[in-house]
Amino acid sequence: EIISSVIIQSLSDSQVRSLFITLIAAMLLLVVNFWFESRRPFLGVITILPVALVVLWTFGMMAATGIPFNPVTATLSALAIGIGVPFTIHVTHRFQEDRVRFDDLDEEIRSTARHTGGALAGSAFTTMAGFGVLITSSLKPFAQMGQVTVYAIGFSLIASVIVLPSLLSLWDGWHRRRGEAILDRAALEATELVQS
């Protein structure tokens, strides 16, 4: 039992380190992407912040509902990153496009939420329903797996449609107060032509 406990503790510690390394690697990748794409590297940091919150919220819900932190649940918590990052990337990219289209911040956020939020909600709810079926399992590990996955996906949705737009609003307001130009409308039109 002592050897098993030491092995499980070592694996859990390793998983926590891996989660933080993954968050940092994802943030660096996003910083580089937004630097080359729009010369706004800090958008990469803003985009990853809600995902870090998702990981913390997921761990908090595991503690609140009595799900032990072990190698399996730690690995499942990585889903928070795997699902959260694409959700937040979609919102940030749509916000950048709406920032060019609209001069009013409220209109930018409304458009972003209307066009991206609904799609993310549909994706999240169907995935939560699929994994949520596991909660009814008579085998405790499967039930816990379903719970942790539902937590991670649900929190990813909340973070991407509530937390991230708030952070983007603050970022946009800061840039507008500094009098910085938004993005070149001609560049956006050229990008849209290439994509279509």
N, C-alpha and C. Protein backbone atom coordinates (compact mmCIF):
# COMPACT_ATOMS: atom_id res chain seq x y z
N GLU A 1 0.82 -1.21 0.00
CA GLU A 1 0.00 0.00 0.00
C GLU A 1 0.85 1.26 0.00
N ILE A 2 1.95 1.23 0.73
CA ILE A 2 2.83 2.41 0.79
C ILE A 2 3.42 2.68 -0.59
N ILE A 3 3.87 1.62 -1.26
CA ILE A 3 4.46 1.79 -2.60
C ILE A 3 3.40 2.32 -3.56
N SER A 4 2.19 1.77 -3.51
CA SER A 4 1.11 2.25 -4.38
C SER A 4 0.80 3.72 -4.12
N SER A 5 0.76 4.08 -2.84
CA SER A 5 0.48 5.48 -2.48
C SER A 5 1.55 6.42 -3.00
N VAL A 6 2.81 6.02 -2.88
CA VAL A 6 3.92 6.85 -3.38
C VAL A 6 3.85 6.99 -4.89
N ILE A 7 3.54 5.90 -5.59
CA ILE A 7 3.44 5.94 -7.05
C ILE A 7 2.30 6.86 -7.48
N ILE A 8 1.14 6.72 -6.83
CA ILE A 8 -0.01 7.56 -7.19
C ILE A 8 0.29 9.03 -6.92
N GLN A 9 0.95 9.31 -5.78
CA GLN A 9 1.29 10.70 -5.46
C GLN A 9 2.27 11.27 -6.48
N SER A 10 3.26 10.46 -6.88
CA SER A 10 4.24 10.91 -7.88
C SER A 10 3.56 11.19 -9.22
N LEU A 11 2.65 10.30 -9.61
CA LEU A 11 1.93 10.49 -10.87
C LEU A 11 1.07 11.75 -10.81
N SER A 12 0.39 11.98 -9.68
CA SER A 12 -0.46 13.16 -9.54
C SER A 12 0.36 14.44 -9.61
N ASP A 13 1.50 14.45 -8.90
CA ASP A 13 2.38 15.63 -8.95
C ASP A 13 2.87 15.89 -10.36
N SER A 14 3.21 14.80 -11.04
CA SER A 14 3.67 14.93 -12.43
C SER A 14 2.58 15.50 -13.32
N GLN A 15 1.33 15.08 -13.11
CA GLN A 15 0.22 15.58 -13.91
C GLN A 15 -0.01 17.07 -13.67
N VAL A 16 0.11 17.51 -12.43
CA VAL A 16 -0.08 18.93 -12.13
C VAL A 16 1.00 19.76 -12.83
N ARG A 17 2.24 19.29 -12.76
CA ARG A 17 3.33 20.00 -13.48
C ARG A 17 3.04 20.04 -14.97
N SER A 18 2.58 18.91 -15.50
CA SER A 18 2.28 18.84 -16.94
C SER A 18 1.18 19.82 -17.32
N LEU A 19 0.16 19.97 -16.46
CA LEU A 19 -0.93 20.91 -16.75
C LEU A 19 -0.39 22.34 -16.84
N PHE A 20 0.46 22.72 -15.90
CA PHE A 20 1.00 24.07 -15.92
C PHE A 20 1.95 24.28 -17.11
N ILE A 21 2.73 23.27 -17.44
CA ILE A 21 3.61 23.37 -18.61
C ILE A 21 2.77 23.52 -19.88
N THR A 22 1.67 22.77 -19.95
CA THR A 22 0.78 22.86 -21.11
C THR A 22 0.16 24.25 -21.23
N LEU A 23 -0.27 24.81 -20.09
CA LEU A 23 -0.83 26.17 -20.11
C LEU A 23 0.19 27.19 -20.60
N ILE A 24 1.42 27.08 -20.11
CA ILE A 24 2.46 28.03 -20.52
C ILE A 24 2.80 27.85 -21.99
N ALA A 25 2.90 26.59 -22.45
CA ALA A 25 3.19 26.34 -23.86
C ALA A 25 2.08 26.88 -24.75
N ALA A 26 0.81 26.66 -24.35
CA ALA A 26 -0.31 27.18 -25.13
C ALA A 26 -0.29 28.70 -25.16
N MET A 27 0.03 29.32 -24.03
CA MET A 27 0.09 30.78 -23.98
C MET A 27 1.19 31.31 -24.91
N LEU A 28 2.36 30.69 -24.88
CA LEU A 28 3.45 31.14 -25.76
C LEU A 28 3.07 31.00 -27.23
N LEU A 29 2.42 29.89 -27.55
CA LEU A 29 1.98 29.68 -28.93
C LEU A 29 0.98 30.75 -29.36
N LEU A 30 0.03 31.08 -28.46
CA LEU A 30 -0.96 32.12 -28.77
C LEU A 30 -0.32 33.50 -28.86
N VAL A 31 0.63 33.78 -28.00
CA VAL A 31 1.33 35.07 -28.05
C VAL A 31 2.03 35.23 -29.40
N VAL A 32 2.73 34.19 -29.83
CA VAL A 32 3.42 34.24 -31.13
C VAL A 32 2.41 34.38 -32.27
N ASN A 33 1.31 33.61 -32.19
CA ASN A 33 0.28 33.68 -33.23
C ASN A 33 -0.30 35.08 -33.34
N PHE A 34 -0.70 35.66 -32.21
CA PHE A 34 -1.32 36.99 -32.26
C PHE A 34 -0.30 38.07 -32.61
N TRP A 35 0.97 37.83 -32.31
CA TRP A 35 2.00 38.80 -32.70
C TRP A 35 2.11 38.85 -34.23
N PHE A 36 2.21 37.68 -34.86
CA PHE A 36 2.35 37.66 -36.31
C PHE A 36 1.05 38.02 -37.02
N GLU A 37 -0.07 37.64 -36.43
CA GLU A 37 -1.36 37.86 -37.08
C GLU A 37 -1.82 39.31 -37.02
N SER A 38 -1.69 39.94 -35.84
CA SER A 38 -2.25 41.28 -35.70
C SER A 38 -1.38 42.24 -34.89
N ARG A 39 -0.15 41.83 -34.60
CA ARG A 39 0.76 42.67 -33.82
C ARG A 39 0.18 43.00 -32.44
N ARG A 40 -0.59 42.07 -31.88
CA ARG A 40 -1.19 42.22 -30.56
C ARG A 40 -0.86 40.98 -29.72
N PRO A 41 0.40 40.82 -29.29
CA PRO A 41 0.79 39.59 -28.58
C PRO A 41 0.07 39.40 -27.25
N PHE A 42 -0.34 40.49 -26.60
CA PHE A 42 -0.99 40.35 -25.30
C PHE A 42 -2.35 39.65 -25.42
N LEU A 43 -2.91 39.63 -26.62
CA LEU A 43 -4.16 38.87 -26.83
C LEU A 43 -3.96 37.39 -26.52
N GLY A 44 -2.75 36.89 -26.73
CA GLY A 44 -2.46 35.49 -26.39
C GLY A 44 -2.58 35.23 -24.90
N VAL A 45 -2.09 36.18 -24.10
CA VAL A 45 -2.20 36.06 -22.64
C VAL A 45 -3.65 36.15 -22.20
N ILE A 46 -4.38 37.12 -22.78
CA ILE A 46 -5.79 37.29 -22.44
C ILE A 46 -6.59 36.05 -22.82
N THR A 47 -6.26 35.45 -23.94
CA THR A 47 -7.00 34.29 -24.42
C THR A 47 -6.77 33.07 -23.53
N ILE A 48 -5.59 32.95 -22.92
CA ILE A 48 -5.31 31.77 -22.09
C ILE A 48 -5.76 31.94 -20.64
N LEU A 49 -5.92 33.17 -20.17
CA LEU A 49 -6.31 33.39 -18.77
C LEU A 49 -7.60 32.67 -18.36
N PRO A 50 -8.66 32.74 -19.16
CA PRO A 50 -9.88 32.01 -18.78
C PRO A 50 -9.67 30.50 -18.70
N VAL A 51 -8.76 29.98 -19.51
CA VAL A 51 -8.49 28.54 -19.48
C VAL A 51 -7.82 28.15 -18.17
N ALA A 52 -6.92 29.01 -17.67
CA ALA A 52 -6.30 28.76 -16.38
C ALA A 52 -7.37 28.76 -15.28
N LEU A 53 -8.34 29.66 -15.40
CA LEU A 53 -9.45 29.67 -14.44
C LEU A 53 -10.26 28.37 -14.51
N VAL A 54 -10.45 27.87 -15.71
CA VAL A 54 -11.22 26.63 -15.90
C VAL A 54 -10.54 25.48 -15.15
N VAL A 55 -9.22 25.40 -15.25
CA VAL A 55 -8.50 24.34 -14.55
C VAL A 55 -8.72 24.47 -13.04
N LEU A 56 -8.60 25.70 -12.52
CA LEU A 56 -8.81 25.92 -11.08
C LEU A 56 -10.25 25.60 -10.67
N TRP A 57 -11.22 26.04 -11.48
CA TRP A 57 -12.63 25.75 -11.17
C TRP A 57 -12.90 24.25 -11.17
N THR A 58 -12.30 23.56 -12.13
CA THR A 58 -12.50 22.11 -12.22
C THR A 58 -11.95 21.42 -10.98
N PHE A 59 -10.74 21.81 -10.56
CA PHE A 59 -10.17 21.23 -9.35
C PHE A 59 -11.03 21.57 -8.14
N GLY A 60 -11.55 22.79 -8.08
CA GLY A 60 -12.42 23.20 -6.98
C GLY A 60 -13.69 22.37 -6.91
N MET A 61 -14.30 22.13 -8.07
CA MET A 61 -15.53 21.32 -8.10
C MET A 61 -15.24 19.87 -7.74
N MET A 62 -14.08 19.38 -8.14
CA MET A 62 -13.70 18.02 -7.74
C MET A 62 -13.62 17.93 -6.22
N ALA A 63 -13.00 18.94 -5.60
CA ALA A 63 -12.89 18.94 -4.14
C ALA A 63 -14.26 19.08 -3.49
N ALA A 64 -15.10 19.95 -4.06
CA ALA A 64 -16.43 20.19 -3.48
C ALA A 64 -17.34 18.97 -3.58
N THR A 65 -17.16 18.18 -4.62
CA THR A 65 -18.03 17.01 -4.81
C THR A 65 -17.37 15.71 -4.36
N GLY A 66 -16.20 15.83 -3.74
CA GLY A 66 -15.55 14.64 -3.17
C GLY A 66 -14.88 13.73 -4.17
N ILE A 67 -14.52 14.24 -5.33
CA ILE A 67 -13.81 13.43 -6.31
C ILE A 67 -12.32 13.55 -6.00
N PRO A 68 -11.65 12.43 -5.75
CA PRO A 68 -10.23 12.50 -5.39
C PRO A 68 -9.36 12.91 -6.58
N PHE A 69 -8.27 13.58 -6.25
CA PHE A 69 -7.31 13.96 -7.28
C PHE A 69 -6.35 12.80 -7.45
N ASN A 70 -6.43 12.13 -8.57
CA ASN A 70 -5.55 11.00 -8.85
C ASN A 70 -5.10 11.09 -10.30
N PRO A 71 -4.24 10.20 -10.76
CA PRO A 71 -3.75 10.31 -12.13
C PRO A 71 -4.85 10.35 -13.20
N VAL A 72 -5.94 9.60 -12.98
CA VAL A 72 -7.02 9.57 -13.97
C VAL A 72 -7.75 10.91 -14.01
N THR A 73 -8.16 11.41 -12.83
CA THR A 73 -8.89 12.68 -12.81
C THR A 73 -7.98 13.85 -13.21
N ALA A 74 -6.69 13.76 -12.91
CA ALA A 74 -5.76 14.81 -13.33
C ALA A 74 -5.64 14.82 -14.85
N THR A 75 -5.59 13.64 -15.44
CA THR A 75 -5.53 13.55 -16.89
C THR A 75 -6.80 14.10 -17.52
N LEU A 76 -7.94 13.77 -16.91
CA LEU A 76 -9.21 14.29 -17.43
C LEU A 76 -9.29 15.80 -17.29
N SER A 77 -8.67 16.35 -16.27
CA SER A 77 -8.66 17.80 -16.09
C SER A 77 -7.94 18.49 -17.24
N ALA A 78 -7.05 17.76 -17.89
CA ALA A 78 -6.37 18.31 -19.05
C ALA A 78 -7.36 18.61 -20.17
N LEU A 79 -8.53 17.97 -20.13
CA LEU A 79 -9.58 18.29 -21.09
C LEU A 79 -9.98 19.75 -21.01
N ALA A 80 -9.87 20.31 -19.80
CA ALA A 80 -10.19 21.73 -19.63
C ALA A 80 -9.33 22.59 -20.54
N ILE A 81 -8.08 22.19 -20.69
CA ILE A 81 -7.19 22.94 -21.57
C ILE A 81 -7.51 22.60 -23.02
N GLY A 82 -7.65 21.31 -23.29
CA GLY A 82 -7.91 20.88 -24.66
C GLY A 82 -9.19 21.42 -25.26
N ILE A 83 -10.19 21.62 -24.43
CA ILE A 83 -11.47 22.17 -24.91
C ILE A 83 -11.51 23.67 -24.73
N GLY A 84 -10.97 24.15 -23.62
CA GLY A 84 -11.03 25.59 -23.32
C GLY A 84 -10.26 26.45 -24.30
N VAL A 85 -9.08 26.02 -24.72
CA VAL A 85 -8.28 26.84 -25.63
C VAL A 85 -8.98 27.06 -26.97
N PRO A 86 -9.50 26.03 -27.64
CA PRO A 86 -10.21 26.31 -28.89
C PRO A 86 -11.43 27.21 -28.70
N PHE A 87 -12.17 27.02 -27.59
CA PHE A 87 -13.32 27.89 -27.33
C PHE A 87 -12.87 29.35 -27.26
N THR A 88 -11.83 29.61 -26.47
CA THR A 88 -11.39 31.00 -26.30
C THR A 88 -10.77 31.57 -27.57
N ILE A 89 -10.10 30.73 -28.34
CA ILE A 89 -9.53 31.21 -29.61
C ILE A 89 -10.65 31.66 -30.55
N HIS A 90 -11.73 30.89 -30.63
CA HIS A 90 -12.85 31.28 -31.48
C HIS A 90 -13.41 32.64 -31.07
N VAL A 91 -13.59 32.84 -29.78
CA VAL A 91 -14.15 34.10 -29.29
C VAL A 91 -13.20 35.26 -29.58
N THR A 92 -11.92 35.08 -29.32
CA THR A 92 -10.95 36.17 -29.55
C THR A 92 -10.87 36.54 -31.02
N HIS A 93 -10.84 35.55 -31.89
CA HIS A 93 -10.77 35.85 -33.33
C HIS A 93 -12.02 36.57 -33.81
N ARG A 94 -13.17 36.12 -33.34
CA ARG A 94 -14.41 36.79 -33.74
C ARG A 94 -14.45 38.21 -33.20
N PHE A 95 -13.96 38.42 -31.99
CA PHE A 95 -13.92 39.76 -31.41
C PHE A 95 -13.02 40.67 -32.23
N GLN A 96 -11.89 40.14 -32.68
CA GLN A 96 -10.99 40.96 -33.51
C GLN A 96 -11.70 41.40 -34.79
N GLU A 97 -12.44 40.49 -35.41
CA GLU A 97 -13.16 40.84 -36.63
C GLU A 97 -14.25 41.88 -36.33
N ASP A 98 -14.99 41.68 -35.24
CA ASP A 98 -16.07 42.61 -34.88
C ASP A 98 -15.51 43.96 -34.44
N ARG A 99 -14.32 43.96 -33.91
CA ARG A 99 -13.66 45.21 -33.49
C ARG A 99 -13.40 46.11 -34.69
N VAL A 100 -13.13 45.49 -35.82
CA VAL A 100 -12.92 46.26 -37.04
C VAL A 100 -14.24 46.69 -37.65
N ARG A 101 -15.23 45.83 -37.57
CA ARG A 101 -16.53 46.12 -38.19
C ARG A 101 -17.32 47.20 -37.47
N PHE A 102 -17.24 47.24 -36.14
CA PHE A 102 -18.07 48.15 -35.35
C PHE A 102 -17.21 49.15 -34.58
N ASP A 103 -17.74 50.35 -34.44
CA ASP A 103 -17.04 51.37 -33.67
C ASP A 103 -17.43 51.37 -32.21
N ASP A 104 -18.54 50.73 -31.87
CA ASP A 104 -19.05 50.73 -30.50
C ASP A 104 -18.68 49.41 -29.81
N LEU A 105 -18.11 49.50 -28.62
CA LEU A 105 -17.69 48.31 -27.88
C LEU A 105 -18.85 47.38 -27.57
N ASP A 106 -19.99 47.95 -27.17
CA ASP A 106 -21.16 47.11 -26.86
C ASP A 106 -21.60 46.31 -28.08
N GLU A 107 -21.56 46.95 -29.22
CA GLU A 107 -21.95 46.27 -30.46
C GLU A 107 -20.95 45.16 -30.81
N GLU A 108 -19.67 45.41 -30.56
CA GLU A 108 -18.64 44.39 -30.81
C GLU A 108 -18.90 43.14 -29.97
N ILE A 109 -19.11 43.37 -28.68
CA ILE A 109 -19.33 42.24 -27.76
C ILE A 109 -20.62 41.52 -28.10
N ARG A 110 -21.68 42.27 -28.41
CA ARG A 110 -22.96 41.67 -28.75
C ARG A 110 -22.83 40.79 -29.99
N SER A 111 -22.15 41.30 -31.00
CA SER A 111 -21.97 40.55 -32.23
C SER A 111 -21.13 39.28 -31.99
N THR A 112 -20.08 39.43 -31.21
CA THR A 112 -19.23 38.28 -30.90
C THR A 112 -20.02 37.21 -30.17
N ALA A 113 -20.78 37.63 -29.16
CA ALA A 113 -21.57 36.67 -28.38
C ALA A 113 -22.65 36.01 -29.24
N ARG A 114 -23.28 36.82 -30.10
CA ARG A 114 -24.37 36.28 -30.93
C ARG A 114 -23.84 35.26 -31.94
N HIS A 115 -22.72 35.54 -32.57
CA HIS A 115 -22.24 34.68 -33.64
C HIS A 115 -21.37 33.52 -33.17
N THR A 116 -20.68 33.70 -32.05
CA THR A 116 -19.79 32.64 -31.58
C THR A 116 -20.36 31.91 -30.37
N GLY A 117 -20.98 32.66 -29.46
CA GLY A 117 -21.49 32.07 -28.22
C GLY A 117 -22.48 30.94 -28.45
N GLY A 118 -23.39 31.12 -29.39
CA GLY A 118 -24.38 30.08 -29.67
C GLY A 118 -23.76 28.80 -30.18
N ALA A 119 -22.80 28.93 -31.07
CA ALA A 119 -22.13 27.74 -31.61
C ALA A 119 -21.35 27.02 -30.53
N LEU A 120 -20.66 27.79 -29.67
CA LEU A 120 -19.90 27.17 -28.58
C LEU A 120 -20.84 26.48 -27.59
N ALA A 121 -21.97 27.13 -27.30
CA ALA A 121 -22.93 26.53 -26.37
C ALA A 121 -23.47 25.22 -26.93
N GLY A 122 -23.81 25.20 -28.21
CA GLY A 122 -24.30 23.96 -28.82
C GLY A 122 -23.26 22.86 -28.75
N SER A 123 -22.03 23.21 -29.07
CA SER A 123 -20.95 22.23 -29.01
C SER A 123 -20.74 21.73 -27.59
N ALA A 124 -20.72 22.66 -26.63
CA ALA A 124 -20.47 22.28 -25.23
C ALA A 124 -21.60 21.40 -24.69
N PHE A 125 -22.85 21.78 -24.93
CA PHE A 125 -23.96 21.03 -24.37
C PHE A 125 -24.06 19.62 -24.94
N THR A 126 -23.79 19.47 -26.23
CA THR A 126 -23.85 18.13 -26.81
C THR A 126 -22.72 17.25 -26.29
N THR A 127 -21.52 17.84 -26.13
CA THR A 127 -20.40 17.08 -25.58
C THR A 127 -20.64 16.74 -24.12
N MET A 128 -21.19 17.70 -23.35
CA MET A 128 -21.51 17.43 -21.94
C MET A 128 -22.55 16.32 -21.82
N ALA A 129 -23.53 16.33 -22.71
CA ALA A 129 -24.55 15.28 -22.68
C ALA A 129 -23.93 13.92 -22.98
N GLY A 130 -23.03 13.89 -23.96
CA GLY A 130 -22.38 12.63 -24.31
C GLY A 130 -21.57 12.05 -23.15
N PHE A 131 -20.75 12.88 -22.54
CA PHE A 131 -19.95 12.40 -21.42
C PHE A 131 -20.77 12.30 -20.14
N GLY A 132 -21.83 13.09 -20.04
CA GLY A 132 -22.66 13.08 -18.85
C GLY A 132 -23.35 11.75 -18.61
N VAL A 133 -23.53 10.99 -19.67
CA VAL A 133 -24.15 9.67 -19.53
C VAL A 133 -23.32 8.79 -18.60
N LEU A 134 -22.01 9.01 -18.59
CA LEU A 134 -21.13 8.21 -17.74
C LEU A 134 -21.43 8.39 -16.25
N ILE A 135 -22.03 9.52 -15.88
CA ILE A 135 -22.33 9.79 -14.48
C ILE A 135 -23.29 8.75 -13.92
N THR A 136 -24.12 8.19 -14.78
CA THR A 136 -25.09 7.18 -14.34
C THR A 136 -24.47 5.79 -14.18
N SER A 137 -23.20 5.66 -14.50
CA SER A 137 -22.54 4.35 -14.42
C SER A 137 -22.50 3.85 -12.98
N SER A 138 -22.64 2.54 -12.82
CA SER A 138 -22.53 1.95 -11.48
C SER A 138 -21.08 1.83 -11.03
N LEU A 139 -20.15 1.93 -11.98
CA LEU A 139 -18.73 1.90 -11.64
C LEU A 139 -18.27 3.31 -11.28
N LYS A 140 -17.77 3.47 -10.08
CA LYS A 140 -17.42 4.79 -9.57
C LYS A 140 -16.39 5.53 -10.43
N PRO A 141 -15.33 4.87 -10.91
CA PRO A 141 -14.35 5.59 -11.74
C PRO A 141 -14.97 6.18 -13.01
N PHE A 142 -15.90 5.44 -13.63
CA PHE A 142 -16.56 5.96 -14.83
C PHE A 142 -17.47 7.14 -14.49
N ALA A 143 -18.17 7.03 -13.37
CA ALA A 143 -19.04 8.13 -12.95
C ALA A 143 -18.22 9.38 -12.66
N GLN A 144 -17.08 9.21 -12.00
CA GLN A 144 -16.21 10.36 -11.72
C GLN A 144 -15.64 10.93 -13.00
N MET A 145 -15.29 10.06 -13.94
CA MET A 145 -14.79 10.53 -15.23
C MET A 145 -15.83 11.39 -15.93
N GLY A 146 -17.08 10.96 -15.90
CA GLY A 146 -18.16 11.74 -16.50
C GLY A 146 -18.33 13.08 -15.81
N GLN A 147 -18.28 13.09 -14.47
CA GLN A 147 -18.44 14.34 -13.73
C GLN A 147 -17.32 15.33 -14.05
N VAL A 148 -16.08 14.87 -14.00
CA VAL A 148 -14.95 15.77 -14.25
C VAL A 148 -15.01 16.32 -15.67
N THR A 149 -15.38 15.49 -16.61
CA THR A 149 -15.47 15.95 -18.00
C THR A 149 -16.57 16.99 -18.16
N VAL A 150 -17.72 16.76 -17.53
CA VAL A 150 -18.81 17.73 -17.59
C VAL A 150 -18.40 19.04 -16.94
N TYR A 151 -17.71 18.97 -15.81
CA TYR A 151 -17.22 20.19 -15.16
C TYR A 151 -16.30 20.97 -16.09
N ALA A 152 -15.34 20.27 -16.68
CA ALA A 152 -14.34 20.93 -17.53
C ALA A 152 -15.00 21.60 -18.73
N ILE A 153 -15.92 20.91 -19.38
CA ILE A 153 -16.57 21.47 -20.57
C ILE A 153 -17.49 22.62 -20.19
N GLY A 154 -18.26 22.44 -19.13
CA GLY A 154 -19.17 23.50 -18.68
C GLY A 154 -18.42 24.76 -18.28
N PHE A 155 -17.35 24.60 -17.53
CA PHE A 155 -16.55 25.76 -17.13
C PHE A 155 -15.85 26.40 -18.33
N SER A 156 -15.46 25.58 -19.31
CA SER A 156 -14.85 26.14 -20.53
C SER A 156 -15.84 27.04 -21.26
N LEU A 157 -17.09 26.61 -21.30
CA LEU A 157 -18.12 27.43 -21.95
C LEU A 157 -18.32 28.74 -21.19
N ILE A 158 -18.46 28.65 -19.87
CA ILE A 158 -18.66 29.86 -19.06
C ILE A 158 -17.49 30.81 -19.22
N ALA A 159 -16.29 30.28 -19.17
CA ALA A 159 -15.10 31.14 -19.28
C ALA A 159 -15.01 31.81 -20.64
N SER A 160 -15.40 31.10 -21.69
CA SER A 160 -15.25 31.68 -23.03
C SER A 160 -16.36 32.66 -23.40
N VAL A 161 -17.56 32.50 -22.84
CA VAL A 161 -18.64 33.42 -23.20
C VAL A 161 -18.92 34.51 -22.16
N ILE A 162 -18.35 34.37 -20.96
CA ILE A 162 -18.57 35.40 -19.94
C ILE A 162 -17.26 36.07 -19.52
N VAL A 163 -16.28 35.26 -19.12
CA VAL A 163 -15.02 35.82 -18.62
C VAL A 163 -14.20 36.46 -19.74
N LEU A 164 -14.00 35.74 -20.83
CA LEU A 164 -13.16 36.26 -21.92
C LEU A 164 -13.70 37.54 -22.54
N PRO A 165 -15.00 37.64 -22.86
CA PRO A 165 -15.49 38.92 -23.40
C PRO A 165 -15.26 40.09 -22.45
N SER A 166 -15.34 39.84 -21.16
CA SER A 166 -15.06 40.91 -20.19
C SER A 166 -13.61 41.35 -20.27
N LEU A 167 -12.70 40.39 -20.36
CA LEU A 167 -11.28 40.72 -20.48
C LEU A 167 -11.00 41.44 -21.80
N LEU A 168 -11.64 40.98 -22.87
CA LEU A 168 -11.45 41.63 -24.17
C LEU A 168 -12.00 43.05 -24.16
N SER A 169 -13.08 43.28 -23.46
CA SER A 169 -13.64 44.64 -23.34
C SER A 169 -12.65 45.56 -22.63
N LEU A 170 -12.06 45.07 -21.54
CA LEU A 170 -11.06 45.88 -20.83
C LEU A 170 -9.87 46.17 -21.73
N TRP A 171 -9.42 45.15 -22.45
CA TRP A 171 -8.27 45.31 -23.37
C TRP A 171 -8.60 46.34 -24.45
N ASP A 172 -9.79 46.22 -25.04
CA ASP A 172 -10.20 47.13 -26.11
C ASP A 172 -10.32 48.56 -25.59
N GLY A 173 -10.92 48.71 -24.41
CA GLY A 173 -11.07 50.05 -23.82
C GLY A 173 -9.72 50.70 -23.55
N TRP A 174 -8.76 49.90 -23.10
CA TRP A 174 -7.42 50.41 -22.83
C TRP A 174 -6.77 50.92 -24.12
N HIS A 175 -6.90 50.14 -25.18
CA HIS A 175 -6.31 50.56 -26.46
C HIS A 175 -7.01 51.80 -27.01
N ARG A 176 -8.31 51.87 -26.86
CA ARG A 176 -9.05 53.04 -27.36
C ARG A 176 -8.69 54.29 -26.58
N ARG A 177 -8.52 54.16 -25.27
CA ARG A 177 -8.13 55.33 -24.46
C ARG A 177 -6.74 55.84 -24.85
N ARG A 178 -5.89 54.93 -25.26
CA ARG A 178 -4.55 55.32 -25.69
C ARG A 178 -4.56 55.92 -27.10
N GLY A 179 -5.71 55.84 -27.76
CA GLY A 179 -5.84 56.42 -29.10
C GLY A 179 -5.18 55.60 -30.18
N GLU A 180 -4.94 54.32 -29.89
CA GLU A 180 -4.30 53.47 -30.88
C GLU A 180 -5.30 53.09 -31.98
N ALA A 181 -4.79 53.02 -33.17
CA ALA A 181 -5.63 52.61 -34.29
C ALA A 181 -6.09 51.18 -34.07
N ILE A 182 -7.28 50.89 -34.54
CA ILE A 182 -7.78 49.53 -34.39
C ILE A 182 -7.02 48.67 -35.39
N LEU A 183 -7.61 48.08 -36.29
CA LEU A 183 -6.90 47.34 -37.31
C LEU A 183 -7.27 47.93 -38.66
N ASP A 184 -6.47 47.67 -39.60
CA ASP A 184 -6.70 48.21 -40.92
C ASP A 184 -7.91 47.52 -41.55
N ARG A 185 -8.95 48.31 -41.87
CA ARG A 185 -10.16 47.73 -42.47
C ARG A 185 -9.86 47.09 -43.82
N ALA A 186 -8.95 47.68 -44.56
CA ALA A 186 -8.58 47.12 -45.87
C ALA A 186 -7.94 45.74 -45.69
N ALA A 187 -7.14 45.59 -44.62
CA ALA A 187 -6.50 44.30 -44.36
C ALA A 187 -7.55 43.25 -44.03
N LEU A 188 -8.59 43.63 -43.27
CA LEU A 188 -9.66 42.69 -42.95
C LEU A 188 -10.41 42.28 -44.21
N GLU A 189 -10.71 43.24 -45.06
CA GLU A 189 -11.43 42.93 -46.31
C GLU A 189 -10.60 42.00 -47.18
N ALA A 190 -9.29 42.23 -47.25
CA ALA A 190 -8.41 41.37 -48.04
C ALA A 190 -8.39 39.96 -47.47
N THR A 191 -8.37 39.84 -46.13
CA THR A 191 -8.39 38.53 -45.47
C THR A 191 -9.68 37.80 -45.78
N GLU A 192 -10.81 38.54 -45.73
CA GLU A 192 -12.10 37.91 -46.01
C GLU A 192 -12.19 37.45 -47.46
N LEU A 193 -11.60 38.20 -48.39
CA LEU A 193 -11.59 37.79 -49.79
C LEU A 193 -10.79 36.51 -49.97
N VAL A 194 -9.64 36.42 -49.30
CA VAL A 194 -8.79 35.24 -49.43
C VAL A 194 -9.52 34.01 -48.85
N GLN A 195 -10.23 34.20 -47.72
CA GLN A 195 -10.92 33.08 -47.10
C GLN A 195 -12.11 32.61 -47.91
N SER A 196 -12.75 33.50 -48.65
CA SER A 196 -13.91 33.09 -49.44
C SER A 196 -13.48 32.69 -50.81
